[in-house]
Amino acid sequence: MEILQKLKTGISNLNETSLKLMKHGAQFAVGVCLTGLAAYIINSRMYIFNYSGEQFAIHIMLAGVSLFMQFIIGGLVLDIFQKRRQN
């Protein structure tokens, strides 16, 4: 429980711009992952299985995960730079 309280206080101390970047970036990344998942499901339900389509769908899902991490790290770095600039 102590870890969750530290995480909550850490997130509440973030800059508003950083929070918006992380929130909307996470929504965009989830959308990309869902697009890849939909492509994977459509490919697996087709009568003719396409290996290339399966691989493209997996790469799209991996790109969504990568985007998620990049937006989170970018928001944290932006918060650090803005806090240093204020001091």
N, C-alpha and C. Protein backbone atom coordinates (compact mmCIF):
# COMPACT_ATOMS: atom_id res chain seq x y z
N MET A 1 0.82 -1.20 0.00
CA MET A 1 0.00 0.00 0.00
C MET A 1 0.86 1.26 0.00
N GLU A 2 2.03 1.18 0.63
CA GLU A 2 2.90 2.34 0.70
C GLU A 2 3.42 2.72 -0.68
N ILE A 3 3.65 1.72 -1.50
CA ILE A 3 4.13 1.98 -2.86
C ILE A 3 3.06 2.72 -3.66
N LEU A 4 1.81 2.31 -3.51
CA LEU A 4 0.73 2.97 -4.23
C LEU A 4 0.54 4.41 -3.78
N GLN A 5 0.74 4.67 -2.49
CA GLN A 5 0.63 6.04 -2.00
C GLN A 5 1.76 6.91 -2.55
N LYS A 6 2.98 6.35 -2.63
CA LYS A 6 4.10 7.08 -3.21
C LYS A 6 3.85 7.37 -4.69
N LEU A 7 3.30 6.39 -5.39
CA LEU A 7 2.99 6.58 -6.81
C LEU A 7 1.92 7.65 -6.98
N LYS A 8 0.92 7.65 -6.14
CA LYS A 8 -0.15 8.65 -6.21
C LYS A 8 0.39 10.05 -5.95
N THR A 9 1.24 10.21 -4.94
CA THR A 9 1.81 11.54 -4.66
C THR A 9 2.76 11.97 -5.76
N GLY A 10 3.49 11.02 -6.33
CA GLY A 10 4.39 11.35 -7.43
C GLY A 10 3.65 11.83 -8.67
N ILE A 11 2.55 11.18 -8.98
CA ILE A 11 1.76 11.59 -10.14
C ILE A 11 1.07 12.92 -9.89
N SER A 12 0.62 13.15 -8.66
CA SER A 12 -0.05 14.41 -8.37
C SER A 12 0.92 15.59 -8.40
N ASN A 13 2.22 15.34 -8.24
CA ASN A 13 3.22 16.41 -8.29
C ASN A 13 3.69 16.73 -9.71
N LEU A 14 3.23 15.98 -10.70
CA LEU A 14 3.64 16.23 -12.08
C LEU A 14 3.00 17.51 -12.62
N ASN A 15 3.65 18.08 -13.60
CA ASN A 15 3.16 19.28 -14.27
C ASN A 15 1.91 18.94 -15.09
N GLU A 16 1.03 19.92 -15.27
CA GLU A 16 -0.22 19.68 -15.99
C GLU A 16 0.04 19.30 -17.45
N THR A 17 1.01 19.95 -18.07
CA THR A 17 1.34 19.66 -19.47
C THR A 17 1.85 18.23 -19.61
N SER A 18 2.66 17.80 -18.68
CA SER A 18 3.18 16.43 -18.72
C SER A 18 2.07 15.40 -18.54
N LEU A 19 1.14 15.70 -17.65
CA LEU A 19 0.01 14.79 -17.44
C LEU A 19 -0.84 14.68 -18.70
N LYS A 20 -1.07 15.81 -19.37
CA LYS A 20 -1.86 15.78 -20.60
C LYS A 20 -1.14 14.98 -21.69
N LEU A 21 0.18 15.17 -21.79
CA LEU A 21 0.95 14.42 -22.78
C LEU A 21 0.86 12.93 -22.51
N MET A 22 1.01 12.54 -21.27
CA MET A 22 0.95 11.12 -20.94
C MET A 22 -0.45 10.55 -21.12
N LYS A 23 -1.47 11.32 -20.75
CA LYS A 23 -2.85 10.83 -20.88
C LYS A 23 -3.25 10.63 -22.33
N HIS A 24 -3.05 11.66 -23.14
CA HIS A 24 -3.46 11.55 -24.54
C HIS A 24 -2.54 10.63 -25.33
N GLY A 25 -1.28 10.59 -24.96
CA GLY A 25 -0.37 9.65 -25.61
C GLY A 25 -0.73 8.21 -25.31
N ALA A 26 -1.13 7.95 -24.07
CA ALA A 26 -1.55 6.59 -23.71
C ALA A 26 -2.82 6.20 -24.46
N GLN A 27 -3.74 7.15 -24.60
CA GLN A 27 -4.96 6.86 -25.36
C GLN A 27 -4.64 6.55 -26.82
N PHE A 28 -3.73 7.33 -27.40
CA PHE A 28 -3.33 7.09 -28.79
C PHE A 28 -2.66 5.72 -28.93
N ALA A 29 -1.77 5.38 -27.99
CA ALA A 29 -1.06 4.10 -28.05
C ALA A 29 -2.02 2.93 -27.90
N VAL A 30 -3.01 3.06 -27.04
CA VAL A 30 -4.01 1.99 -26.89
C VAL A 30 -4.81 1.85 -28.18
N GLY A 31 -5.10 2.98 -28.83
CA GLY A 31 -5.80 2.92 -30.11
C GLY A 31 -4.99 2.19 -31.17
N VAL A 32 -3.69 2.42 -31.21
CA VAL A 32 -2.82 1.72 -32.16
C VAL A 32 -2.79 0.23 -31.83
N CYS A 33 -2.71 -0.11 -30.55
CA CYS A 33 -2.72 -1.53 -30.16
C CYS A 33 -4.04 -2.20 -30.53
N LEU A 34 -5.14 -1.50 -30.35
CA LEU A 34 -6.43 -2.07 -30.72
C LEU A 34 -6.57 -2.24 -32.22
N THR A 35 -5.99 -1.33 -32.99
CA THR A 35 -5.98 -1.47 -34.44
C THR A 35 -5.21 -2.72 -34.85
N GLY A 36 -4.05 -2.93 -34.24
CA GLY A 36 -3.28 -4.14 -34.53
C GLY A 36 -4.00 -5.40 -34.11
N LEU A 37 -4.68 -5.34 -32.96
CA LEU A 37 -5.44 -6.49 -32.49
C LEU A 37 -6.60 -6.81 -33.43
N ALA A 38 -7.26 -5.76 -33.90
CA ALA A 38 -8.37 -5.98 -34.85
C ALA A 38 -7.85 -6.60 -36.14
N ALA A 39 -6.71 -6.12 -36.63
CA ALA A 39 -6.12 -6.69 -37.85
C ALA A 39 -5.73 -8.16 -37.64
N TYR A 40 -5.21 -8.47 -36.45
CA TYR A 40 -4.83 -9.85 -36.14
C TYR A 40 -6.05 -10.76 -36.09
N ILE A 41 -7.11 -10.29 -35.46
CA ILE A 41 -8.33 -11.10 -35.35
C ILE A 41 -8.97 -11.30 -36.72
N ILE A 42 -9.03 -10.23 -37.51
CA ILE A 42 -9.61 -10.35 -38.85
C ILE A 42 -8.80 -11.33 -39.69
N ASN A 43 -7.47 -11.25 -39.57
CA ASN A 43 -6.61 -12.15 -40.34
C ASN A 43 -6.79 -13.60 -39.90
N SER A 44 -6.95 -13.84 -38.62
CA SER A 44 -7.08 -15.22 -38.15
C SER A 44 -8.46 -15.80 -38.46
N ARG A 45 -9.47 -14.96 -38.67
CA ARG A 45 -10.83 -15.44 -38.96
C ARG A 45 -11.11 -15.60 -40.45
N MET A 46 -10.18 -15.15 -41.28
CA MET A 46 -10.39 -15.26 -42.72
C MET A 46 -10.24 -16.72 -43.15
N TYR A 47 -10.82 -17.04 -44.29
CA TYR A 47 -10.73 -18.40 -44.80
C TYR A 47 -9.31 -18.72 -45.26
N ILE A 48 -8.64 -17.73 -45.84
CA ILE A 48 -7.26 -17.92 -46.29
C ILE A 48 -6.36 -17.22 -45.29
N PHE A 49 -5.58 -17.99 -44.55
CA PHE A 49 -4.70 -17.43 -43.53
C PHE A 49 -3.50 -16.79 -44.23
N ASN A 50 -3.17 -15.56 -43.83
CA ASN A 50 -2.08 -14.82 -44.43
C ASN A 50 -1.01 -14.59 -43.37
N TYR A 51 0.16 -15.21 -43.56
CA TYR A 51 1.24 -15.07 -42.60
C TYR A 51 1.76 -13.64 -42.54
N SER A 52 1.85 -12.98 -43.68
CA SER A 52 2.32 -11.59 -43.71
C SER A 52 1.36 -10.67 -42.95
N GLY A 53 0.08 -10.89 -43.12
CA GLY A 53 -0.91 -10.09 -42.39
C GLY A 53 -0.79 -10.29 -40.89
N GLU A 54 -0.52 -11.52 -40.48
CA GLU A 54 -0.34 -11.79 -39.06
C GLU A 54 0.88 -11.04 -38.52
N GLN A 55 1.97 -11.08 -39.26
CA GLN A 55 3.19 -10.40 -38.82
C GLN A 55 3.01 -8.89 -38.80
N PHE A 56 2.32 -8.32 -39.77
CA PHE A 56 2.05 -6.88 -39.77
C PHE A 56 1.21 -6.48 -38.56
N ALA A 57 0.22 -7.30 -38.24
CA ALA A 57 -0.63 -7.00 -37.08
C ALA A 57 0.17 -7.06 -35.78
N ILE A 58 1.05 -8.02 -35.67
CA ILE A 58 1.89 -8.13 -34.47
C ILE A 58 2.82 -6.92 -34.37
N HIS A 59 3.38 -6.49 -35.49
CA HIS A 59 4.27 -5.32 -35.49
C HIS A 59 3.50 -4.05 -35.13
N ILE A 60 2.26 -3.95 -35.56
CA ILE A 60 1.44 -2.78 -35.19
C ILE A 60 1.19 -2.77 -33.69
N MET A 61 0.89 -3.93 -33.11
CA MET A 61 0.67 -4.00 -31.67
C MET A 61 1.95 -3.66 -30.90
N LEU A 62 3.09 -4.14 -31.38
CA LEU A 62 4.36 -3.80 -30.72
C LEU A 62 4.68 -2.32 -30.85
N ALA A 63 4.31 -1.72 -31.97
CA ALA A 63 4.50 -0.27 -32.13
C ALA A 63 3.64 0.50 -31.14
N GLY A 64 2.44 0.01 -30.87
CA GLY A 64 1.58 0.65 -29.88
C GLY A 64 2.17 0.60 -28.48
N VAL A 65 2.77 -0.54 -28.13
CA VAL A 65 3.42 -0.65 -26.82
C VAL A 65 4.62 0.28 -26.74
N SER A 66 5.38 0.35 -27.83
CA SER A 66 6.53 1.25 -27.87
C SER A 66 6.10 2.71 -27.76
N LEU A 67 5.04 3.08 -28.44
CA LEU A 67 4.52 4.44 -28.35
C LEU A 67 4.07 4.76 -26.92
N PHE A 68 3.44 3.81 -26.27
CA PHE A 68 3.00 4.01 -24.89
C PHE A 68 4.19 4.35 -23.99
N MET A 69 5.23 3.55 -24.10
CA MET A 69 6.42 3.80 -23.27
C MET A 69 7.07 5.13 -23.62
N GLN A 70 7.12 5.49 -24.90
CA GLN A 70 7.73 6.74 -25.30
C GLN A 70 6.95 7.94 -24.78
N PHE A 71 5.65 7.88 -24.78
CA PHE A 71 4.85 8.99 -24.26
C PHE A 71 5.01 9.13 -22.74
N ILE A 72 5.08 8.01 -22.03
CA ILE A 72 5.26 8.08 -20.58
C ILE A 72 6.64 8.66 -20.25
N ILE A 73 7.68 8.15 -20.89
CA ILE A 73 9.02 8.66 -20.64
C ILE A 73 9.14 10.11 -21.08
N GLY A 74 8.54 10.46 -22.21
CA GLY A 74 8.56 11.84 -22.67
C GLY A 74 7.88 12.79 -21.70
N GLY A 75 6.78 12.36 -21.12
CA GLY A 75 6.09 13.20 -20.13
C GLY A 75 6.93 13.40 -18.88
N LEU A 76 7.61 12.36 -18.45
CA LEU A 76 8.47 12.48 -17.27
C LEU A 76 9.67 13.39 -17.54
N VAL A 77 10.26 13.25 -18.72
CA VAL A 77 11.40 14.11 -19.07
C VAL A 77 10.96 15.56 -19.21
N LEU A 78 9.80 15.79 -19.81
CA LEU A 78 9.28 17.15 -19.93
C LEU A 78 9.03 17.76 -18.56
N ASP A 79 8.51 16.98 -17.64
CA ASP A 79 8.29 17.48 -16.28
C ASP A 79 9.61 17.86 -15.61
N ILE A 80 10.62 17.04 -15.78
CA ILE A 80 11.94 17.34 -15.18
C ILE A 80 12.51 18.63 -15.75
N PHE A 81 12.43 18.79 -17.08
CA PHE A 81 12.98 20.01 -17.71
C PHE A 81 12.22 21.25 -17.28
N GLN A 82 10.90 21.15 -17.17
CA GLN A 82 10.13 22.32 -16.76
C GLN A 82 10.37 22.68 -15.30
N LYS A 83 10.56 21.70 -14.44
CA LYS A 83 10.85 21.98 -13.04
C LYS A 83 12.25 22.58 -12.87
N ARG A 84 13.22 22.14 -13.68
CA ARG A 84 14.56 22.71 -13.61
C ARG A 84 14.58 24.14 -14.15
N ARG A 85 13.77 24.40 -15.16
CA ARG A 85 13.71 25.74 -15.73
C ARG A 85 13.12 26.75 -14.75
N GLN A 86 12.19 26.30 -13.92
CA GLN A 86 11.57 27.19 -12.94
C GLN A 86 12.53 27.56 -11.81
N ASN A 87 13.45 26.67 -11.49
CA ASN A 87 14.39 26.95 -10.38
C ASN A 87 15.55 27.80 -10.80
